[in-house]
Amino acid sequence: MKTVKILGPGCANCRKLEAIARDAAASAGIEAEFIKVTDMNDILAFDILSTPGLVVDDKVVSSGRIPTQAEVKEWLAA
């Protein structure tokens, strides 16, 4: 099972990223646990400069933008 973390304060872009990531996992048939990280100290621990951020299995794969569903599928499959 993959662990997917959505980094951000809960803004509209953070919610959109979460929806894209959930849809990507579901359409690819990948089982994943989704965790929202909203505490700024926890977010800064991932060394990203802007939110929203996406972390798959403790590796930052995206920050400061909303990736496409196809990109997220690739990251989840890796």
C-alpha atoms as a PDB file:
ATOM      1  CA  MET A   1       0.000   0.000   0.000  1.00  0.00           C
ATOM      2  CA  LYS A   2       1.244   3.464  -0.914  1.00  0.00           C
ATOM      3  CA  THR A   3       1.285   6.346   1.539  1.00  0.00           C
ATOM      4  CA  VAL A   4       0.264   9.641  -0.037  1.00  0.00           C
ATOM      5  CA  LYS A   5       0.601  12.918   1.847  1.00  0.00           C
ATOM      6  CA  ILE A   6      -1.022  16.157   0.745  1.00  0.00           C
ATOM      7  CA  LEU A   7       0.964  19.110   2.105  1.00  0.00           C
ATOM      8  CA  GLY A   8      -0.847  22.406   2.535  1.00  0.00           C
ATOM      9  CA  PRO A   9      -3.011  24.553   4.777  1.00  0.00           C
ATOM     10  CA  GLY A  10      -6.284  23.262   3.323  1.00  0.00           C
ATOM     11  CA  CYS A  11      -6.721  25.792   0.515  1.00  0.00           C
ATOM     12  CA  ALA A  12      -8.694  25.151  -2.665  1.00  0.00           C
ATOM     13  CA  ASN A  13      -5.567  23.971  -4.512  1.00  0.00           C
ATOM     14  CA  CYS A  14      -4.782  21.519  -1.716  1.00  0.00           C
ATOM     15  CA  ARG A  15      -8.289  20.065  -1.921  1.00  0.00           C
ATOM     16  CA  LYS A  16      -8.045  19.854  -5.722  1.00  0.00           C
ATOM     17  CA  LEU A  17      -4.698  18.034  -5.469  1.00  0.00           C
ATOM     18  CA  GLU A  18      -6.168  15.562  -2.993  1.00  0.00           C
ATOM     19  CA  ALA A  19      -9.107  14.868  -5.327  1.00  0.00           C
ATOM     20  CA  ILE A  20      -6.766  14.304  -8.289  1.00  0.00           C
ATOM     21  CA  ALA A  21      -4.542  11.981  -6.258  1.00  0.00           C
ATOM     22  CA  ARG A  22      -7.503   9.968  -4.969  1.00  0.00           C
ATOM     23  CA  ASP A  23      -8.955   9.672  -8.485  1.00  0.00           C
ATOM     24  CA  ALA A  24      -5.565   8.634  -9.895  1.00  0.00           C
ATOM     25  CA  ALA A  25      -5.148   5.889  -7.292  1.00  0.00           C
ATOM     26  CA  ALA A  26      -8.692   4.626  -7.791  1.00  0.00           C
ATOM     27  CA  SER A  27      -8.490   4.567 -11.591  1.00  0.00           C
ATOM     28  CA  ALA A  28      -5.111   2.795 -11.487  1.00  0.00           C
ATOM     29  CA  GLY A  29      -6.364   0.275  -8.935  1.00  0.00           C
ATOM     30  CA  ILE A  30      -3.635   1.263  -6.475  1.00  0.00           C
ATOM     31  CA  GLU A  31      -4.374   0.965  -2.790  1.00  0.00           C
ATOM     32  CA  ALA A  32      -3.222   4.079  -0.962  1.00  0.00           C
ATOM     33  CA  GLU A  33      -3.531   5.731   2.422  1.00  0.00           C
ATOM     34  CA  PHE A  34      -4.098   9.488   2.159  1.00  0.00           C
ATOM     35  CA  ILE A  35      -2.842  11.810   4.873  1.00  0.00           C
ATOM     36  CA  LYS A  36      -3.431  15.563   5.002  1.00  0.00           C
ATOM     37  CA  VAL A  37      -0.487  17.482   6.465  1.00  0.00           C
ATOM     38  CA  THR A  38      -1.639  20.955   7.477  1.00  0.00           C
ATOM     39  CA  ASP A  39       0.788  21.891  10.277  1.00  0.00           C
ATOM     40  CA  MET A  40       3.406  24.298   8.881  1.00  0.00           C
ATOM     41  CA  ASN A  41       6.245  22.773  10.916  1.00  0.00           C
ATOM     42  CA  ASP A  42       5.420  19.343   9.495  1.00  0.00           C
ATOM     43  CA  ILE A  43       5.202  20.777   5.966  1.00  0.00           C
ATOM     44  CA  LEU A  44       8.564  22.553   6.317  1.00  0.00           C
ATOM     45  CA  ALA A  45      10.156  19.251   7.337  1.00  0.00           C
ATOM     46  CA  PHE A  46       9.675  18.139   3.713  1.00  0.00           C
ATOM     47  CA  ASP A  47      11.783  21.075   2.465  1.00  0.00           C
ATOM     48  CA  ILE A  48       9.308  22.429  -0.082  1.00  0.00           C
ATOM     49  CA  LEU A  49       9.107  26.089  -1.007  1.00  0.00           C
ATOM     50  CA  SER A  50       5.411  26.328  -1.842  1.00  0.00           C
ATOM     51  CA  THR A  51       2.202  24.393  -1.422  1.00  0.00           C
ATOM     52  CA  PRO A  52       0.384  22.331  -2.390  1.00  0.00           C
ATOM     53  CA  GLY A  53       2.850  19.501  -2.086  1.00  0.00           C
ATOM     54  CA  LEU A  54       2.482  15.831  -2.882  1.00  0.00           C
ATOM     55  CA  VAL A  55       4.540  13.140  -1.154  1.00  0.00           C
ATOM     56  CA  VAL A  56       4.441   9.477  -2.172  1.00  0.00           C
ATOM     57  CA  ASP A  57       6.081   7.029   0.239  1.00  0.00           C
ATOM     58  CA  ASP A  58       8.021   9.871   1.937  1.00  0.00           C
ATOM     59  CA  LYS A  59       9.411  11.231  -1.352  1.00  0.00           C
ATOM     60  CA  VAL A  60       8.345  14.704  -2.504  1.00  0.00           C
ATOM     61  CA  VAL A  61       7.123  14.321  -6.083  1.00  0.00           C
ATOM     62  CA  SER A  62       5.470  17.705  -6.594  1.00  0.00           C
ATOM     63  CA  SER A  63       5.261  21.121  -4.949  1.00  0.00           C
ATOM     64  CA  GLY A  64       3.846  24.502  -5.826  1.00  0.00           C
ATOM     65  CA  ARG A  65       1.563  23.209  -8.584  1.00  0.00           C
ATOM     66  CA  ILE A  66      -1.290  20.840  -9.294  1.00  0.00           C
ATOM     67  CA  PRO A  67      -0.038  17.881 -11.331  1.00  0.00           C
ATOM     68  CA  THR A  68      -2.183  16.051 -13.858  1.00  0.00           C
ATOM     69  CA  GLN A  69      -3.897  12.805 -12.990  1.00  0.00           C
ATOM     70  CA  ALA A  70      -1.565  11.009 -15.436  1.00  0.00           C
ATOM     71  CA  GLU A  71       1.505  12.339 -13.602  1.00  0.00           C
ATOM     72  CA  VAL A  72       0.127  11.195 -10.259  1.00  0.00           C
ATOM     73  CA  LYS A  73      -0.601   7.734 -11.666  1.00  0.00           C
ATOM     74  CA  GLU A  74       3.038   7.436 -12.786  1.00  0.00           C
ATOM     75  CA  TRP A  75       4.317   8.428  -9.353  1.00  0.00           C
ATOM     76  CA  LEU A  76       1.991   5.975  -7.634  1.00  0.00           C
ATOM     77  CA  ALA A  77       2.975   3.139  -9.978  1.00  0.00           C
ATOM     78  CA  ALA A  78       6.716   3.695  -9.455  1.00  0.00           C
END
